[in-house]
Amino acid sequence: MLQGIELINCAKASAKQGSAVAAKNCGYDNNIGLFIENLNKACQQIGVDINELNDLITDQQIAKESRKVLEISPDTVSDL
């Protein structure tokens, strides 16, 4: 079971998938209550207040995931 900043980082990476998936990914299996409790403690230790798991999702993450990438390349190798 992850603790401290490792727990926060893992939970943040899994936050969009929900508490059950985040708990499993962080080593808590089906013990979601203990996962949330330890996550809250870890966040308090670094001065971050969260009300729910989704509070860990930052605006930067949202922007990065929603940006659209347009690839531009020639149609053929001879058009380089």
C-alpha atoms as a PDB file:
ATOM      1  CA  MET A   1       0.000   0.000   0.000  1.00  0.00           C
ATOM      2  CA  LEU A   2       1.429   3.322  -1.043  1.00  0.00           C
ATOM      3  CA  GLN A   3       1.782   6.137   1.462  1.00  0.00           C
ATOM      4  CA  GLY A   4       2.648   9.838   1.385  1.00  0.00           C
ATOM      5  CA  ILE A   5       3.541  11.573  -1.855  1.00  0.00           C
ATOM      6  CA  GLU A   6       3.674   8.255  -3.740  1.00  0.00           C
ATOM      7  CA  LEU A   7       0.050   7.642  -2.784  1.00  0.00           C
ATOM      8  CA  ILE A   8      -0.941  11.142  -3.896  1.00  0.00           C
ATOM      9  CA  ASN A   9       0.837  10.761  -7.251  1.00  0.00           C
ATOM     10  CA  CYS A  10      -0.708   7.359  -7.918  1.00  0.00           C
ATOM     11  CA  ALA A  11      -4.175   8.544  -6.878  1.00  0.00           C
ATOM     12  CA  LYS A  12      -3.827  11.625  -9.085  1.00  0.00           C
ATOM     13  CA  ALA A  13      -2.896   9.466 -12.084  1.00  0.00           C
ATOM     14  CA  SER A  14      -5.938   7.232 -11.508  1.00  0.00           C
ATOM     15  CA  ALA A  15      -8.434   9.863 -10.341  1.00  0.00           C
ATOM     16  CA  LYS A  16     -10.450   9.970 -13.570  1.00  0.00           C
ATOM     17  CA  GLN A  17     -11.058   6.227 -13.345  1.00  0.00           C
ATOM     18  CA  GLY A  18     -12.739   6.471  -9.941  1.00  0.00           C
ATOM     19  CA  SER A  19     -12.022   5.511  -6.348  1.00  0.00           C
ATOM     20  CA  ALA A  20     -12.182   1.748  -6.848  1.00  0.00           C
ATOM     21  CA  VAL A  21      -9.595   1.733  -9.641  1.00  0.00           C
ATOM     22  CA  ALA A  22      -7.394   4.266  -7.863  1.00  0.00           C
ATOM     23  CA  ALA A  23      -7.472   2.191  -4.653  1.00  0.00           C
ATOM     24  CA  LYS A  24      -6.433  -0.946  -6.542  1.00  0.00           C
ATOM     25  CA  ASN A  25      -3.685   0.875  -8.449  1.00  0.00           C
ATOM     26  CA  CYS A  26      -2.299   2.245  -5.177  1.00  0.00           C
ATOM     27  CA  GLY A  27      -2.210  -1.181  -3.524  1.00  0.00           C
ATOM     28  CA  TYR A  28      -5.394  -0.995  -1.433  1.00  0.00           C
ATOM     29  CA  ASP A  29      -7.357  -3.608  -3.402  1.00  0.00           C
ATOM     30  CA  ASN A  30     -11.030  -3.241  -2.412  1.00  0.00           C
ATOM     31  CA  ASN A  31     -10.364  -1.295   0.799  1.00  0.00           C
ATOM     32  CA  ILE A  32     -11.562   2.047  -0.552  1.00  0.00           C
ATOM     33  CA  GLY A  33     -12.227   3.451   2.919  1.00  0.00           C
ATOM     34  CA  LEU A  34      -8.616   2.963   4.040  1.00  0.00           C
ATOM     35  CA  PHE A  35      -7.397   4.320   0.691  1.00  0.00           C
ATOM     36  CA  ILE A  36      -9.425   7.527   1.080  1.00  0.00           C
ATOM     37  CA  GLU A  37      -8.389   7.886   4.715  1.00  0.00           C
ATOM     38  CA  ASN A  38      -4.682   7.519   3.928  1.00  0.00           C
ATOM     39  CA  LEU A  39      -4.997   9.787   0.895  1.00  0.00           C
ATOM     40  CA  ASN A  40      -6.579  12.510   3.026  1.00  0.00           C
ATOM     41  CA  LYS A  41      -3.807  12.147   5.629  1.00  0.00           C
ATOM     42  CA  ALA A  42      -1.110  12.329   2.958  1.00  0.00           C
ATOM     43  CA  CYS A  43      -2.680  15.443   1.441  1.00  0.00           C
ATOM     44  CA  GLN A  44      -2.958  17.104   4.860  1.00  0.00           C
ATOM     45  CA  GLN A  45       0.725  16.412   5.495  1.00  0.00           C
ATOM     46  CA  ILE A  46       1.670  18.468   2.435  1.00  0.00           C
ATOM     47  CA  GLY A  47      -0.953  21.152   3.047  1.00  0.00           C
ATOM     48  CA  VAL A  48      -3.424  20.181   0.332  1.00  0.00           C
ATOM     49  CA  ASP A  49      -7.137  20.035   1.141  1.00  0.00           C
ATOM     50  CA  ILE A  50      -9.269  17.668  -0.910  1.00  0.00           C
ATOM     51  CA  ASN A  51     -12.957  16.860  -0.588  1.00  0.00           C
ATOM     52  CA  GLU A  52     -13.008  14.077  -3.147  1.00  0.00           C
ATOM     53  CA  LEU A  53     -10.645  12.180  -5.420  1.00  0.00           C
ATOM     54  CA  ASN A  54     -11.450  14.401  -8.407  1.00  0.00           C
ATOM     55  CA  ASP A  55      -9.930  17.362  -6.542  1.00  0.00           C
ATOM     56  CA  LEU A  56      -6.529  15.897  -7.452  1.00  0.00           C
ATOM     57  CA  ILE A  57      -7.174  16.417 -11.165  1.00  0.00           C
ATOM     58  CA  THR A  58      -5.421  19.645 -12.113  1.00  0.00           C
ATOM     59  CA  ASP A  59      -6.339  22.118 -14.822  1.00  0.00           C
ATOM     60  CA  GLN A  60      -3.030  21.250 -16.497  1.00  0.00           C
ATOM     61  CA  GLN A  61      -4.020  17.584 -16.733  1.00  0.00           C
ATOM     62  CA  ILE A  62      -7.369  18.504 -18.250  1.00  0.00           C
ATOM     63  CA  ALA A  63      -5.758  20.848 -20.774  1.00  0.00           C
ATOM     64  CA  LYS A  64      -3.131  18.275 -21.741  1.00  0.00           C
ATOM     65  CA  GLU A  65      -5.704  15.537 -22.278  1.00  0.00           C
ATOM     66  CA  SER A  66      -8.105  17.720 -24.223  1.00  0.00           C
ATOM     67  CA  ARG A  67      -5.678  19.395 -26.580  1.00  0.00           C
ATOM     68  CA  LYS A  68      -6.013  18.371 -30.168  1.00  0.00           C
ATOM     69  CA  VAL A  69      -2.955  17.516 -32.218  1.00  0.00           C
ATOM     70  CA  LEU A  70      -2.958  17.868 -35.975  1.00  0.00           C
ATOM     71  CA  GLU A  71      -0.257  15.966 -37.821  1.00  0.00           C
ATOM     72  CA  ILE A  72       0.935  17.531 -41.042  1.00  0.00           C
ATOM     73  CA  SER A  73       3.043  15.496 -43.435  1.00  0.00           C
ATOM     74  CA  PRO A  74       3.512  15.073 -47.168  1.00  0.00           C
ATOM     75  CA  ASP A  75       1.291  12.627 -49.031  1.00  0.00           C
ATOM     76  CA  THR A  76       4.242  10.671 -50.391  1.00  0.00           C
ATOM     77  CA  VAL A  77       7.984  10.348 -49.779  1.00  0.00           C
ATOM     78  CA  SER A  78       8.715  12.068 -53.123  1.00  0.00           C
ATOM     79  CA  ASP A  79       6.836  15.180 -51.955  1.00  0.00           C
ATOM     80  CA  LEU A  80       9.355  15.838 -49.164  1.00  0.00           C
END
